Amino acid sequence: MDPSLDNKVSNVSLTAKHHSESLTQCSAICGGLCACFGFHSHLKNCRVHQSCDPSDMTIDETGWRNFFPEGRSCEYDWLEYNSHCYFYGTPRVSWTEARMDCEVRSSQLVEIEDKEESAWLAATFLLKDSCASNIYEDCTAWTGGNDIFVEGDYRWHHSNSTMNFTNWYAYQPSVNFAGRNEDCVDILRDARWNDGECHIQKSYICEKNL
């Protein structure tokens, strides 16, 4: 679970409290059936929950750590695909703000490895009936792709690796189009990519390993 939820507890959806000598014992009490559990190593206490919305973890109490049971993959509000977890940030922000928010979530802006992943991301997060007709202006999301440092040398920010796979939209990337610095890559609703000005506000997709 997100380390920012350490030293916090929630009384919402609390199923039971138990004495527990170890984290392993507390996990066994949960048994893979609870949504999450908290363990306090000094107090030897175990708390079992049936809901794990981070917004409910509001009570500061030093010493508590929260965990998902074995078999649970991604955290609340994250979706799993191919051994990775993905978060869709809906507030529209600049590319830099999106990158910083992903880092706060112990993740990074998504790095897309193949056509299947790109298609899954678009279908899961972006393709909606409410999308406006202009494919560039609505239902898009920032990725970690950019050529900020060397024009035309597109790389993934977190790994600093070259984009071995690309899925550009027609006539993209538009290097120095109309004198604009279009250095940051967003994914469109049809799973293809566009390079845009980094200050433009868009939704974004964070990624991390399981």
N, C-alpha and C. Protein backbone atom coordinates (compact mmCIF):
# COMPACT_ATOMS: atom_id res chain seq x y z
N MET A 1 0.84 -1.19 0.00
CA MET A 1 0.00 0.00 0.00
C MET A 1 0.87 1.23 0.00
N ASP A 2 0.32 2.34 -0.46
CA ASP A 2 1.06 3.58 -0.55
C ASP A 2 1.70 3.93 0.80
N PRO A 3 3.03 4.16 0.83
CA PRO A 3 3.69 4.48 2.10
C PRO A 3 3.13 5.72 2.78
N SER A 4 2.48 6.61 2.03
CA SER A 4 1.90 7.81 2.65
C SER A 4 0.76 7.47 3.59
N LEU A 5 0.26 6.24 3.53
CA LEU A 5 -0.82 5.82 4.42
C LEU A 5 -0.28 5.18 5.70
N ASP A 6 1.03 5.06 5.82
CA ASP A 6 1.61 4.59 7.08
C ASP A 6 1.34 5.62 8.17
N ASN A 7 1.29 5.12 9.41
CA ASN A 7 1.01 5.97 10.57
C ASN A 7 -0.38 6.59 10.52
N LYS A 8 -1.28 5.90 9.82
CA LYS A 8 -2.68 6.31 9.77
C LYS A 8 -3.58 5.09 9.98
N VAL A 9 -4.75 5.33 10.53
CA VAL A 9 -5.75 4.27 10.67
C VAL A 9 -7.09 4.80 10.20
N SER A 10 -8.02 3.90 10.06
CA SER A 10 -9.38 4.26 9.67
C SER A 10 -10.37 3.44 10.49
N ASN A 11 -11.41 4.10 10.95
CA ASN A 11 -12.48 3.38 11.64
C ASN A 11 -13.60 3.00 10.69
N VAL A 12 -13.48 3.40 9.42
CA VAL A 12 -14.47 3.06 8.42
C VAL A 12 -14.27 1.62 7.98
N SER A 13 -15.33 0.86 7.91
CA SER A 13 -15.32 -0.53 7.45
C SER A 13 -14.41 -1.43 8.29
N LEU A 14 -14.16 -1.06 9.55
CA LEU A 14 -13.34 -1.90 10.42
C LEU A 14 -14.14 -3.16 10.78
N THR A 15 -13.60 -4.31 10.38
CA THR A 15 -14.28 -5.58 10.64
C THR A 15 -13.95 -6.12 12.02
N ALA A 16 -12.67 -6.06 12.39
CA ALA A 16 -12.27 -6.65 13.67
C ALA A 16 -10.90 -6.13 14.08
N LYS A 17 -10.62 -6.24 15.40
CA LYS A 17 -9.29 -5.97 15.94
C LYS A 17 -8.81 -7.24 16.62
N HIS A 18 -7.52 -7.53 16.46
CA HIS A 18 -6.97 -8.75 17.03
C HIS A 18 -5.59 -8.46 17.63
N HIS A 19 -5.22 -9.26 18.65
CA HIS A 19 -3.83 -9.29 19.07
C HIS A 19 -3.07 -10.14 18.06
N SER A 20 -1.91 -9.66 17.65
CA SER A 20 -1.13 -10.39 16.66
C SER A 20 0.35 -10.24 16.98
N GLU A 21 1.06 -11.34 17.04
CA GLU A 21 2.48 -11.31 17.39
C GLU A 21 3.37 -10.88 16.23
N SER A 22 2.87 -10.95 15.01
CA SER A 22 3.72 -10.66 13.86
C SER A 22 2.88 -10.21 12.68
N LEU A 23 3.54 -9.59 11.71
CA LEU A 23 2.88 -9.21 10.47
C LEU A 23 2.34 -10.44 9.75
N THR A 24 3.10 -11.52 9.79
CA THR A 24 2.66 -12.77 9.13
C THR A 24 1.37 -13.27 9.74
N GLN A 25 1.28 -13.21 11.09
CA GLN A 25 0.06 -13.66 11.76
C GLN A 25 -1.12 -12.76 11.42
N CYS A 26 -0.86 -11.45 11.37
CA CYS A 26 -1.92 -10.50 11.02
C CYS A 26 -2.42 -10.77 9.60
N SER A 27 -1.48 -11.03 8.69
CA SER A 27 -1.86 -11.35 7.31
C SER A 27 -2.71 -12.61 7.26
N ALA A 28 -2.37 -13.59 8.10
CA ALA A 28 -3.13 -14.85 8.13
C ALA A 28 -4.54 -14.62 8.64
N ILE A 29 -4.69 -13.68 9.59
CA ILE A 29 -6.02 -13.35 10.11
C ILE A 29 -6.89 -12.77 8.99
N CYS A 30 -6.27 -11.92 8.21
CA CYS A 30 -6.98 -11.37 7.04
C CYS A 30 -7.34 -12.50 6.08
N GLY A 31 -6.36 -13.36 5.83
CA GLY A 31 -6.60 -14.57 5.06
C GLY A 31 -6.91 -14.38 3.59
N GLY A 32 -6.61 -13.21 3.05
CA GLY A 32 -6.91 -12.97 1.64
C GLY A 32 -8.35 -12.61 1.38
N LEU A 33 -9.17 -12.58 2.43
CA LEU A 33 -10.60 -12.29 2.27
C LEU A 33 -10.93 -10.84 2.58
N CYS A 34 -10.15 -10.22 3.46
CA CYS A 34 -10.39 -8.82 3.77
C CYS A 34 -9.83 -7.95 2.66
N ALA A 35 -10.24 -6.70 2.62
CA ALA A 35 -9.74 -5.79 1.59
C ALA A 35 -8.34 -5.31 1.91
N CYS A 36 -8.07 -5.07 3.20
CA CYS A 36 -6.73 -4.67 3.64
C CYS A 36 -6.64 -4.87 5.14
N PHE A 37 -5.42 -4.77 5.66
CA PHE A 37 -5.25 -4.89 7.11
C PHE A 37 -4.12 -3.98 7.56
N GLY A 38 -4.22 -3.56 8.84
CA GLY A 38 -3.19 -2.73 9.44
C GLY A 38 -2.51 -3.49 10.58
N PHE A 39 -1.20 -3.28 10.71
CA PHE A 39 -0.44 -3.96 11.77
C PHE A 39 0.43 -2.95 12.50
N HIS A 40 0.42 -3.05 13.85
CA HIS A 40 1.25 -2.20 14.71
C HIS A 40 2.24 -3.12 15.42
N SER A 41 3.51 -3.04 15.04
CA SER A 41 4.50 -4.01 15.53
C SER A 41 4.79 -3.86 17.01
N HIS A 42 4.68 -2.66 17.55
CA HIS A 42 4.98 -2.46 18.98
C HIS A 42 3.79 -2.83 19.87
N LEU A 43 2.60 -2.45 19.42
CA LEU A 43 1.40 -2.78 20.19
C LEU A 43 0.93 -4.20 19.96
N LYS A 44 1.46 -4.85 18.91
CA LYS A 44 1.04 -6.21 18.53
C LYS A 44 -0.46 -6.25 18.23
N ASN A 45 -0.92 -5.28 17.52
CA ASN A 45 -2.33 -5.18 17.16
C ASN A 45 -2.52 -5.33 15.66
N CYS A 46 -3.65 -5.91 15.29
CA CYS A 46 -4.00 -6.14 13.88
C CYS A 46 -5.42 -5.63 13.65
N ARG A 47 -5.61 -4.84 12.62
CA ARG A 47 -6.93 -4.29 12.27
C ARG A 47 -7.31 -4.80 10.88
N VAL A 48 -8.50 -5.36 10.74
CA VAL A 48 -8.95 -5.95 9.49
C VAL A 48 -10.08 -5.08 8.92
N HIS A 49 -9.97 -4.73 7.62
CA HIS A 49 -10.94 -3.83 6.98
C HIS A 49 -11.58 -4.50 5.77
N GLN A 50 -12.78 -4.05 5.46
CA GLN A 50 -13.47 -4.52 4.27
C GLN A 50 -13.53 -3.46 3.17
N SER A 51 -12.92 -2.31 3.42
CA SER A 51 -12.79 -1.28 2.40
C SER A 51 -11.49 -0.53 2.66
N CYS A 52 -10.82 -0.13 1.60
CA CYS A 52 -9.50 0.48 1.76
C CYS A 52 -9.37 1.76 0.97
N ASP A 53 -10.40 2.57 0.95
CA ASP A 53 -10.32 3.86 0.28
C ASP A 53 -9.34 4.74 1.04
N PRO A 54 -8.25 5.21 0.40
CA PRO A 54 -7.27 6.04 1.10
C PRO A 54 -7.88 7.29 1.74
N SER A 55 -8.98 7.79 1.17
CA SER A 55 -9.59 8.99 1.75
C SER A 55 -10.17 8.72 3.13
N ASP A 56 -10.35 7.44 3.48
CA ASP A 56 -10.84 7.10 4.82
C ASP A 56 -9.71 7.01 5.84
N MET A 57 -8.45 6.95 5.37
CA MET A 57 -7.31 6.82 6.28
C MET A 57 -6.93 8.21 6.78
N THR A 58 -7.70 8.69 7.74
CA THR A 58 -7.57 10.10 8.13
C THR A 58 -7.10 10.30 9.56
N ILE A 59 -7.01 9.25 10.34
CA ILE A 59 -6.65 9.41 11.75
C ILE A 59 -5.16 9.13 11.91
N ASP A 60 -4.41 10.15 12.34
CA ASP A 60 -2.97 9.98 12.55
C ASP A 60 -2.71 9.17 13.81
N GLU A 61 -1.96 8.11 13.66
CA GLU A 61 -1.62 7.26 14.80
C GLU A 61 -0.30 6.55 14.49
N THR A 62 0.76 7.01 15.11
CA THR A 62 2.11 6.54 14.81
C THR A 62 2.25 5.05 15.04
N GLY A 63 2.93 4.39 14.14
CA GLY A 63 3.28 2.98 14.31
C GLY A 63 2.48 2.02 13.46
N TRP A 64 1.39 2.49 12.87
CA TRP A 64 0.56 1.60 12.06
C TRP A 64 1.07 1.56 10.62
N ARG A 65 1.07 0.36 10.06
CA ARG A 65 1.35 0.17 8.63
C ARG A 65 0.18 -0.60 8.03
N ASN A 66 -0.19 -0.23 6.81
CA ASN A 66 -1.35 -0.83 6.16
C ASN A 66 -0.92 -1.65 4.95
N PHE A 67 -1.59 -2.78 4.75
CA PHE A 67 -1.19 -3.73 3.71
C PHE A 67 -2.41 -4.29 3.01
N PHE A 68 -2.21 -4.70 1.75
CA PHE A 68 -3.17 -5.52 1.06
C PHE A 68 -2.81 -6.99 1.29
N PRO A 69 -3.78 -7.87 1.36
CA PRO A 69 -3.46 -9.29 1.53
C PRO A 69 -2.79 -9.87 0.30
N GLU A 70 -2.10 -10.99 0.46
CA GLU A 70 -1.49 -11.66 -0.68
C GLU A 70 -2.57 -12.03 -1.69
N GLY A 71 -2.25 -11.85 -2.93
CA GLY A 71 -3.23 -12.10 -3.98
C GLY A 71 -3.90 -10.82 -4.45
N ARG A 72 -3.85 -9.78 -3.59
CA ARG A 72 -4.36 -8.48 -4.02
C ARG A 72 -3.26 -7.79 -4.80
N SER A 73 -3.57 -7.22 -5.92
CA SER A 73 -2.53 -6.69 -6.79
C SER A 73 -2.34 -5.19 -6.60
N CYS A 74 -3.14 -4.40 -7.24
CA CYS A 74 -2.93 -2.96 -7.23
C CYS A 74 -3.75 -2.28 -6.14
N GLU A 75 -3.31 -1.09 -5.78
CA GLU A 75 -3.98 -0.33 -4.73
C GLU A 75 -5.34 0.18 -5.20
N TYR A 76 -6.08 0.73 -4.24
CA TYR A 76 -7.37 1.35 -4.54
C TYR A 76 -7.17 2.45 -5.58
N ASP A 77 -8.05 2.48 -6.56
CA ASP A 77 -8.03 3.47 -7.64
C ASP A 77 -6.96 3.18 -8.70
N TRP A 78 -6.25 2.05 -8.60
CA TRP A 78 -5.28 1.64 -9.60
C TRP A 78 -5.80 0.40 -10.30
N LEU A 79 -5.46 0.23 -11.57
CA LEU A 79 -5.87 -0.95 -12.32
C LEU A 79 -4.64 -1.72 -12.78
N GLU A 80 -4.77 -3.03 -12.81
CA GLU A 80 -3.64 -3.89 -13.18
C GLU A 80 -3.71 -4.27 -14.66
N TYR A 81 -2.55 -4.27 -15.28
CA TYR A 81 -2.41 -4.80 -16.63
C TYR A 81 -0.98 -5.29 -16.79
N ASN A 82 -0.82 -6.56 -17.11
CA ASN A 82 0.48 -7.14 -17.44
C ASN A 82 1.53 -6.85 -16.36
N SER A 83 1.18 -7.12 -15.12
CA SER A 83 2.08 -6.99 -13.96
C SER A 83 2.48 -5.55 -13.66
N HIS A 84 1.69 -4.59 -14.13
CA HIS A 84 1.89 -3.19 -13.79
C HIS A 84 0.58 -2.63 -13.26
N CYS A 85 0.68 -1.56 -12.47
CA CYS A 85 -0.49 -0.88 -11.94
C CYS A 85 -0.58 0.51 -12.57
N TYR A 86 -1.80 0.94 -12.90
CA TYR A 86 -2.01 2.20 -13.60
C TYR A 86 -3.04 3.05 -12.86
N PHE A 87 -2.75 4.34 -12.80
CA PHE A 87 -3.65 5.31 -12.17
C PHE A 87 -3.98 6.39 -13.18
N TYR A 88 -5.26 6.72 -13.31
CA TYR A 88 -5.70 7.76 -14.24
C TYR A 88 -5.98 9.03 -13.45
N GLY A 89 -5.15 10.04 -13.66
CA GLY A 89 -5.34 11.32 -12.98
C GLY A 89 -6.28 12.21 -13.78
N THR A 90 -7.44 12.50 -13.22
CA THR A 90 -8.46 13.24 -13.97
C THR A 90 -8.29 14.75 -13.92
N PRO A 91 -7.70 15.35 -12.88
CA PRO A 91 -7.51 16.80 -12.96
C PRO A 91 -6.58 17.13 -14.12
N ARG A 92 -6.92 18.13 -14.89
CA ARG A 92 -6.07 18.52 -16.01
C ARG A 92 -4.93 19.38 -15.50
N VAL A 93 -3.72 18.95 -15.78
CA VAL A 93 -2.52 19.64 -15.30
C VAL A 93 -1.47 19.64 -16.41
N SER A 94 -0.41 20.41 -16.21
CA SER A 94 0.70 20.41 -17.15
C SER A 94 1.46 19.10 -17.06
N TRP A 95 2.33 18.86 -18.04
CA TRP A 95 3.13 17.63 -18.03
C TRP A 95 3.99 17.56 -16.78
N THR A 96 4.62 18.66 -16.40
CA THR A 96 5.48 18.67 -15.20
C THR A 96 4.67 18.39 -13.94
N GLU A 97 3.49 18.99 -13.84
CA GLU A 97 2.64 18.74 -12.67
C GLU A 97 2.18 17.29 -12.63
N ALA A 98 1.89 16.73 -13.80
CA ALA A 98 1.50 15.31 -13.86
C ALA A 98 2.65 14.42 -13.41
N ARG A 99 3.85 14.71 -13.89
CA ARG A 99 5.03 13.92 -13.49
C ARG A 99 5.23 13.98 -11.97
N MET A 100 5.09 15.15 -11.39
CA MET A 100 5.29 15.32 -9.96
C MET A 100 4.23 14.58 -9.16
N ASP A 101 2.97 14.60 -9.64
CA ASP A 101 1.92 13.89 -8.92
C ASP A 101 2.16 12.39 -8.96
N CYS A 102 2.61 11.87 -10.10
CA CYS A 102 2.92 10.44 -10.17
C CYS A 102 4.03 10.09 -9.19
N GLU A 103 5.03 10.94 -9.08
CA GLU A 103 6.14 10.67 -8.16
C GLU A 103 5.66 10.67 -6.71
N VAL A 104 4.74 11.56 -6.38
CA VAL A 104 4.15 11.56 -5.03
C VAL A 104 3.45 10.24 -4.76
N ARG A 105 2.91 9.62 -5.79
CA ARG A 105 2.22 8.34 -5.67
C ARG A 105 3.17 7.15 -5.81
N SER A 106 4.47 7.41 -5.67
CA SER A 106 5.50 6.36 -5.78
C SER A 106 5.43 5.65 -7.13
N SER A 107 5.24 6.44 -8.17
CA SER A 107 5.13 5.89 -9.53
C SER A 107 5.75 6.87 -10.50
N GLN A 108 5.52 6.66 -11.80
CA GLN A 108 6.01 7.58 -12.82
C GLN A 108 4.98 7.69 -13.94
N LEU A 109 5.11 8.74 -14.73
CA LEU A 109 4.26 8.83 -15.91
C LEU A 109 4.48 7.59 -16.78
N VAL A 110 3.40 7.10 -17.34
CA VAL A 110 3.41 5.82 -18.03
C VAL A 110 4.44 5.77 -19.15
N GLU A 111 5.10 4.63 -19.27
CA GLU A 111 6.03 4.34 -20.36
C GLU A 111 5.44 3.16 -21.14
N ILE A 112 5.04 3.40 -22.37
CA ILE A 112 4.27 2.43 -23.14
C ILE A 112 5.21 1.55 -23.95
N GLU A 113 5.12 0.26 -23.75
CA GLU A 113 6.09 -0.67 -24.32
C GLU A 113 5.67 -1.30 -25.64
N ASP A 114 4.36 -1.39 -25.90
CA ASP A 114 3.93 -2.04 -27.14
C ASP A 114 2.52 -1.58 -27.53
N LYS A 115 2.10 -2.02 -28.70
CA LYS A 115 0.81 -1.59 -29.24
C LYS A 115 -0.35 -2.08 -28.37
N GLU A 116 -0.20 -3.26 -27.79
CA GLU A 116 -1.26 -3.82 -26.95
C GLU A 116 -1.47 -2.97 -25.70
N GLU A 117 -0.38 -2.54 -25.10
CA GLU A 117 -0.49 -1.70 -23.90
C GLU A 117 -1.13 -0.36 -24.27
N SER A 118 -0.72 0.22 -25.38
CA SER A 118 -1.29 1.50 -25.81
C SER A 118 -2.79 1.37 -26.04
N ALA A 119 -3.20 0.28 -26.68
CA ALA A 119 -4.63 0.05 -26.93
C ALA A 119 -5.40 -0.14 -25.64
N TRP A 120 -4.81 -0.86 -24.68
CA TRP A 120 -5.48 -1.09 -23.39
C TRP A 120 -5.65 0.22 -22.64
N LEU A 121 -4.64 1.05 -22.62
CA LEU A 121 -4.71 2.33 -21.91
C LEU A 121 -5.81 3.21 -22.50
N ALA A 122 -5.87 3.29 -23.83
CA ALA A 122 -6.87 4.13 -24.47
C ALA A 122 -8.28 3.62 -24.20
N ALA A 123 -8.47 2.32 -24.35
CA ALA A 123 -9.80 1.73 -24.14
C ALA A 123 -10.24 1.83 -22.69
N THR A 124 -9.30 1.72 -21.76
CA THR A 124 -9.63 1.71 -20.34
C THR A 124 -9.89 3.10 -19.79
N PHE A 125 -9.08 4.08 -20.20
CA PHE A 125 -9.13 5.39 -19.55
C PHE A 125 -9.65 6.53 -20.44
N LEU A 126 -9.56 6.41 -21.74
CA LEU A 126 -9.78 7.59 -22.58
C LEU A 126 -10.99 7.52 -23.49
N LEU A 127 -11.35 6.36 -23.98
CA LEU A 127 -12.42 6.25 -24.97
C LEU A 127 -13.78 6.33 -24.27
N LYS A 128 -14.46 7.46 -24.46
CA LYS A 128 -15.75 7.70 -23.81
C LYS A 128 -16.74 8.26 -24.83
N ASP A 129 -18.02 8.04 -24.57
CA ASP A 129 -19.05 8.59 -25.45
C ASP A 129 -19.07 10.11 -25.40
N SER A 130 -18.58 10.68 -24.30
CA SER A 130 -18.64 12.13 -24.10
C SER A 130 -17.47 12.88 -24.74
N CYS A 131 -16.55 12.18 -25.39
CA CYS A 131 -15.38 12.83 -25.99
C CYS A 131 -15.81 13.83 -27.06
N ALA A 132 -15.15 14.99 -27.05
CA ALA A 132 -15.41 16.01 -28.06
C ALA A 132 -14.88 15.52 -29.41
N SER A 133 -15.30 16.19 -30.48
CA SER A 133 -14.94 15.72 -31.82
C SER A 133 -13.45 15.90 -32.12
N ASN A 134 -12.83 16.93 -31.58
CA ASN A 134 -11.40 17.19 -31.83
C ASN A 134 -10.56 16.20 -31.04
N ILE A 135 -9.90 15.29 -31.72
CA ILE A 135 -9.18 14.20 -31.04
C ILE A 135 -8.00 14.71 -30.22
N TYR A 136 -7.48 15.89 -30.57
CA TYR A 136 -6.33 16.43 -29.85
C TYR A 136 -6.71 17.12 -28.55
N GLU A 137 -7.93 17.60 -28.44
CA GLU A 137 -8.30 18.49 -27.34
C GLU A 137 -9.02 17.81 -26.20
N ASP A 138 -9.53 16.62 -26.39
CA ASP A 138 -10.32 15.97 -25.35
C ASP A 138 -9.99 14.49 -25.30
N CYS A 139 -10.14 13.91 -24.10
CA CYS A 139 -9.92 12.48 -23.91
C CYS A 139 -8.49 12.08 -24.31
N THR A 140 -7.54 12.84 -23.82
CA THR A 140 -6.13 12.53 -24.00
C THR A 140 -5.46 12.51 -22.63
N ALA A 141 -4.25 11.98 -22.55
CA ALA A 141 -3.56 11.91 -21.26
C ALA A 141 -2.05 11.98 -21.47
N TRP A 142 -1.38 12.69 -20.57
CA TRP A 142 0.08 12.77 -20.62
C TRP A 142 0.72 11.41 -20.35
N THR A 143 1.78 11.13 -21.08
CA THR A 143 2.64 9.98 -20.82
C THR A 143 4.01 10.51 -20.39
N GLY A 144 4.94 9.61 -20.13
CA GLY A 144 6.29 10.02 -19.76
C GLY A 144 7.17 10.37 -20.95
N GLY A 145 6.66 10.26 -22.16
CA GLY A 145 7.46 10.52 -23.35
C GLY A 145 7.74 12.00 -23.55
N ASN A 146 8.94 12.34 -23.99
CA ASN A 146 9.29 13.74 -24.25
C ASN A 146 10.60 13.83 -25.04
N ASP A 147 10.80 15.00 -25.64
CA ASP A 147 12.10 15.32 -26.25
C ASP A 147 12.56 16.69 -25.73
N ILE A 148 12.40 16.88 -24.44
CA ILE A 148 12.70 18.17 -23.81
C ILE A 148 14.17 18.55 -23.97
N PHE A 149 15.06 17.59 -23.82
CA PHE A 149 16.49 17.92 -23.78
C PHE A 149 17.13 17.97 -25.16
N VAL A 150 16.74 17.08 -26.06
CA VAL A 150 17.28 17.07 -27.42
C VAL A 150 16.11 16.97 -28.38
N GLU A 151 15.94 18.00 -29.20
CA GLU A 151 14.82 18.02 -30.14
C GLU A 151 14.85 16.82 -31.07
N GLY A 152 13.73 16.08 -31.08
CA GLY A 152 13.61 14.91 -31.94
C GLY A 152 14.09 13.62 -31.31
N ASP A 153 14.77 13.70 -30.17
CA ASP A 153 15.24 12.50 -29.45
C ASP A 153 14.22 12.17 -28.36
N TYR A 154 13.20 11.41 -28.75
CA TYR A 154 12.11 11.12 -27.81
C TYR A 154 12.50 10.00 -26.86
N ARG A 155 12.34 10.28 -25.56
CA ARG A 155 12.71 9.33 -24.52
C ARG A 155 11.61 9.27 -23.46
N TRP A 156 11.63 8.17 -22.70
CA TRP A 156 10.76 8.05 -21.54
C TRP A 156 11.45 8.71 -20.35
N HIS A 157 10.73 9.55 -19.64
CA HIS A 157 11.35 10.35 -18.59
C HIS A 157 11.97 9.52 -17.48
N HIS A 158 11.22 8.59 -16.91
CA HIS A 158 11.67 7.89 -15.71
C HIS A 158 12.89 7.01 -16.00
N SER A 159 12.84 6.24 -17.05
CA SER A 159 13.93 5.31 -17.37
C SER A 159 15.00 5.96 -18.24
N ASN A 160 14.69 7.12 -18.81
CA ASN A 160 15.59 7.81 -19.75
C ASN A 160 15.96 6.92 -20.94
N SER A 161 15.06 6.01 -21.28
CA SER A 161 15.32 5.09 -22.39
C SER A 161 14.68 5.61 -23.67
N THR A 162 15.31 5.28 -24.80
CA THR A 162 14.77 5.66 -26.10
C THR A 162 13.45 4.94 -26.35
N MET A 163 12.54 5.60 -27.04
CA MET A 163 11.26 4.97 -27.39
C MET A 163 11.49 3.97 -28.51
N ASN A 164 11.67 2.72 -28.16
CA ASN A 164 11.85 1.69 -29.18
C ASN A 164 10.55 1.38 -29.90
N PHE A 165 9.45 1.53 -29.19
CA PHE A 165 8.13 1.39 -29.81
C PHE A 165 7.46 2.76 -29.82
N THR A 166 6.88 3.14 -30.96
CA THR A 166 6.10 4.37 -31.03
C THR A 166 4.79 4.09 -31.77
N ASN A 167 3.83 4.95 -31.53
CA ASN A 167 2.51 4.76 -32.14
C ASN A 167 1.91 6.13 -32.48
N TRP A 168 2.64 6.88 -33.28
CA TRP A 168 2.26 8.27 -33.56
C TRP A 168 0.98 8.38 -34.38
N TYR A 169 0.21 9.41 -34.09
CA TYR A 169 -0.93 9.80 -34.91
C TYR A 169 -0.39 10.37 -36.24
N ALA A 170 -1.25 10.47 -37.22
CA ALA A 170 -0.83 10.97 -38.55
C ALA A 170 -0.15 12.34 -38.45
N TYR A 171 0.96 12.47 -39.12
CA TYR A 171 1.75 13.70 -39.19
C TYR A 171 2.39 14.09 -37.86
N GLN A 172 2.47 13.15 -36.94
CA GLN A 172 3.16 13.37 -35.66
C GLN A 172 4.43 12.51 -35.62
N PRO A 173 5.44 12.93 -34.89
CA PRO A 173 5.50 14.17 -34.09
C PRO A 173 5.72 15.38 -34.99
N SER A 174 5.16 16.49 -34.57
CA SER A 174 5.25 17.73 -35.35
C SER A 174 6.35 18.61 -34.76
N VAL A 175 7.57 18.36 -35.15
CA VAL A 175 8.72 19.07 -34.61
C VAL A 175 8.67 20.53 -35.03
N ASN A 176 8.69 21.42 -34.00
CA ASN A 176 8.67 22.88 -34.23
C ASN A 176 7.50 23.33 -35.09
N PHE A 177 6.35 22.71 -34.89
CA PHE A 177 5.16 23.08 -35.67
C PHE A 177 4.74 24.50 -35.30
N ALA A 178 4.67 25.37 -36.30
CA ALA A 178 4.25 26.77 -36.11
C ALA A 178 5.07 27.46 -35.03
N GLY A 179 6.32 27.05 -34.88
CA GLY A 179 7.20 27.68 -33.91
C GLY A 179 6.93 27.29 -32.46
N ARG A 180 6.07 26.30 -32.26
CA ARG A 180 5.75 25.90 -30.88
C ARG A 180 6.71 24.82 -30.41
N ASN A 181 7.00 24.82 -29.12
CA ASN A 181 7.84 23.78 -28.51
C ASN A 181 6.95 22.63 -28.06
N GLU A 182 6.72 21.68 -28.94
CA GLU A 182 5.86 20.55 -28.62
C GLU A 182 6.75 19.39 -28.19
N ASP A 183 7.08 19.36 -26.91
CA ASP A 183 8.11 18.46 -26.39
C ASP A 183 7.57 17.31 -25.55
N CYS A 184 6.28 17.28 -25.27
CA CYS A 184 5.73 16.27 -24.36
C CYS A 184 4.66 15.43 -25.07
N VAL A 185 4.64 14.15 -24.78
CA VAL A 185 3.83 13.20 -25.53
C VAL A 185 2.56 12.82 -24.75
N ASP A 186 1.43 12.93 -25.42
CA ASP A 186 0.18 12.46 -24.83
C ASP A 186 -0.40 11.35 -25.70
N ILE A 187 -1.18 10.50 -25.07
CA ILE A 187 -1.85 9.40 -25.77
C ILE A 187 -3.29 9.83 -26.04
N LEU A 188 -3.75 9.57 -27.26
CA LEU A 188 -5.09 9.95 -27.68
C LEU A 188 -6.07 8.80 -27.47
N ARG A 189 -7.33 9.09 -27.67
CA ARG A 189 -8.37 8.08 -27.39
C ARG A 189 -8.30 6.87 -28.32
N ASP A 190 -7.65 7.04 -29.49
CA ASP A 190 -7.54 5.92 -30.43
C ASP A 190 -6.24 5.14 -30.24
N ALA A 191 -5.53 5.43 -29.14
CA ALA A 191 -4.30 4.73 -28.75
C ALA A 191 -3.06 5.23 -29.47
N ARG A 192 -3.23 6.18 -30.39
CA ARG A 192 -2.05 6.77 -31.03
C ARG A 192 -1.57 7.98 -30.24
N TRP A 193 -0.40 8.49 -30.60
CA TRP A 193 0.26 9.50 -29.78
C TRP A 193 0.41 10.82 -30.50
N ASN A 194 0.51 11.86 -29.69
CA ASN A 194 0.70 13.22 -30.18
C ASN A 194 1.77 13.89 -29.33
N ASP A 195 2.53 14.81 -29.92
CA ASP A 195 3.44 15.62 -29.11
C ASP A 195 2.85 17.02 -28.99
N GLY A 196 2.78 17.51 -27.76
CA GLY A 196 2.15 18.80 -27.52
C GLY A 196 3.02 19.68 -26.63
N GLU A 197 2.59 20.92 -26.47
CA GLU A 197 3.29 21.83 -25.58
C GLU A 197 3.10 21.38 -24.14
N CYS A 198 4.19 21.34 -23.40
CA CYS A 198 4.17 20.73 -22.07
C CYS A 198 3.32 21.50 -21.06
N HIS A 199 3.06 22.78 -21.32
CA HIS A 199 2.28 23.56 -20.36
C HIS A 199 0.78 23.34 -20.51
N ILE A 200 0.35 22.74 -21.61
CA ILE A 200 -1.08 22.50 -21.81
C ILE A 200 -1.59 21.53 -20.75
N GLN A 201 -2.78 21.77 -20.27
CA GLN A 201 -3.34 20.96 -19.19
C GLN A 201 -4.12 19.77 -19.75
N LYS A 202 -3.73 18.60 -19.29
CA LYS A 202 -4.37 17.35 -19.71
C LYS A 202 -4.47 16.41 -18.51
N SER A 203 -5.29 15.38 -18.66
CA SER A 203 -5.26 14.28 -17.70
C SER A 203 -3.94 13.52 -17.88
N TYR A 204 -3.71 12.52 -17.06
CA TYR A 204 -2.42 11.83 -17.12
C TYR A 204 -2.57 10.41 -16.59
N ILE A 205 -1.59 9.56 -16.93
CA ILE A 205 -1.60 8.17 -16.49
C ILE A 205 -0.28 7.86 -15.78
N CYS A 206 -0.37 7.41 -14.54
CA CYS A 206 0.79 6.98 -13.77
C CYS A 206 0.93 5.46 -13.86
N GLU A 207 2.14 4.98 -13.69
CA GLU A 207 2.43 3.54 -13.79
C GLU A 207 3.45 3.14 -12.75
N LYS A 208 3.31 1.94 -12.22
CA LYS A 208 4.34 1.35 -11.36
C LYS A 208 4.24 -0.16 -11.42
N ASN A 209 5.32 -0.81 -11.04
CA ASN A 209 5.33 -2.27 -11.02
C ASN A 209 4.51 -2.78 -9.85
N LEU A 210 4.02 -4.01 -9.98
CA LEU A 210 3.34 -4.66 -8.86
C LEU A 210 4.30 -4.85 -7.70
